[in-house]
Structures are given as C-alpha cells and as structure tokens.
Amino acid sequence: MLSTLAKSAVRPSVSKVVRIASLSTAAAKPAKKDAKAPESDSFCMNLFRGRAVIDQVFPYPLKLDDDHRETLHLITGPVEKFLEEVNDVNK
C-alpha cells in the first residue's frame, strides 16, 4: 500500500495537467490597453485615477436653486439642535 501511495504522489493527475495547460494558454493572450477609461463625475473614482477635481468635492451648496436652498436652511437648524442635545459626543 505504501508503494502505491508513493507512485500516485509523484505522478500528476490528468486534471492537473489540463488545468496547467489551460492557464498557460490563457496567460499568453495579450491584454488590450489602448482604450482610455471614460471620464467620470465621481470624486472617488477620479482619486483612484490620480486626479483630484475640486469642483466634485463641494458641488452641493454651489448648485442649489432658491427652493432647495430654503429647504436646506429649514432642515439645518433642527438637525444641529438634535446633534447638540441628543447625539452629543461628550456625553
């Protein structure tokens, strides 16, 4: 029994040979890198590309119309009060 275990451990199985052959042919294909990455409006995606577009960091307050600005001011007061009284970090 010991001799059969030693023989099977030395010889690779057929599935391993096929797997290794398929991996070597898959790696031989050249990768196409001619296409440029599409432009993105995402700040995080541009950071990964090595670009920092400052207009993407703070677009929210600058692009508000009058109705949205009024809604923002109505929400800001109660949220600040809640964060100071209920969600106080120092408590």
Foldseek 3Di string as FASTA:
>chain_A
DVVVVVVPVVDDDPVVVVVVVVVVVVVPDDDDDPDDDDDDLDQVVVVVVVDHDPCSVPVPVVPDDPVVVVVVVVPVVVVVVCCVPPVDPVD
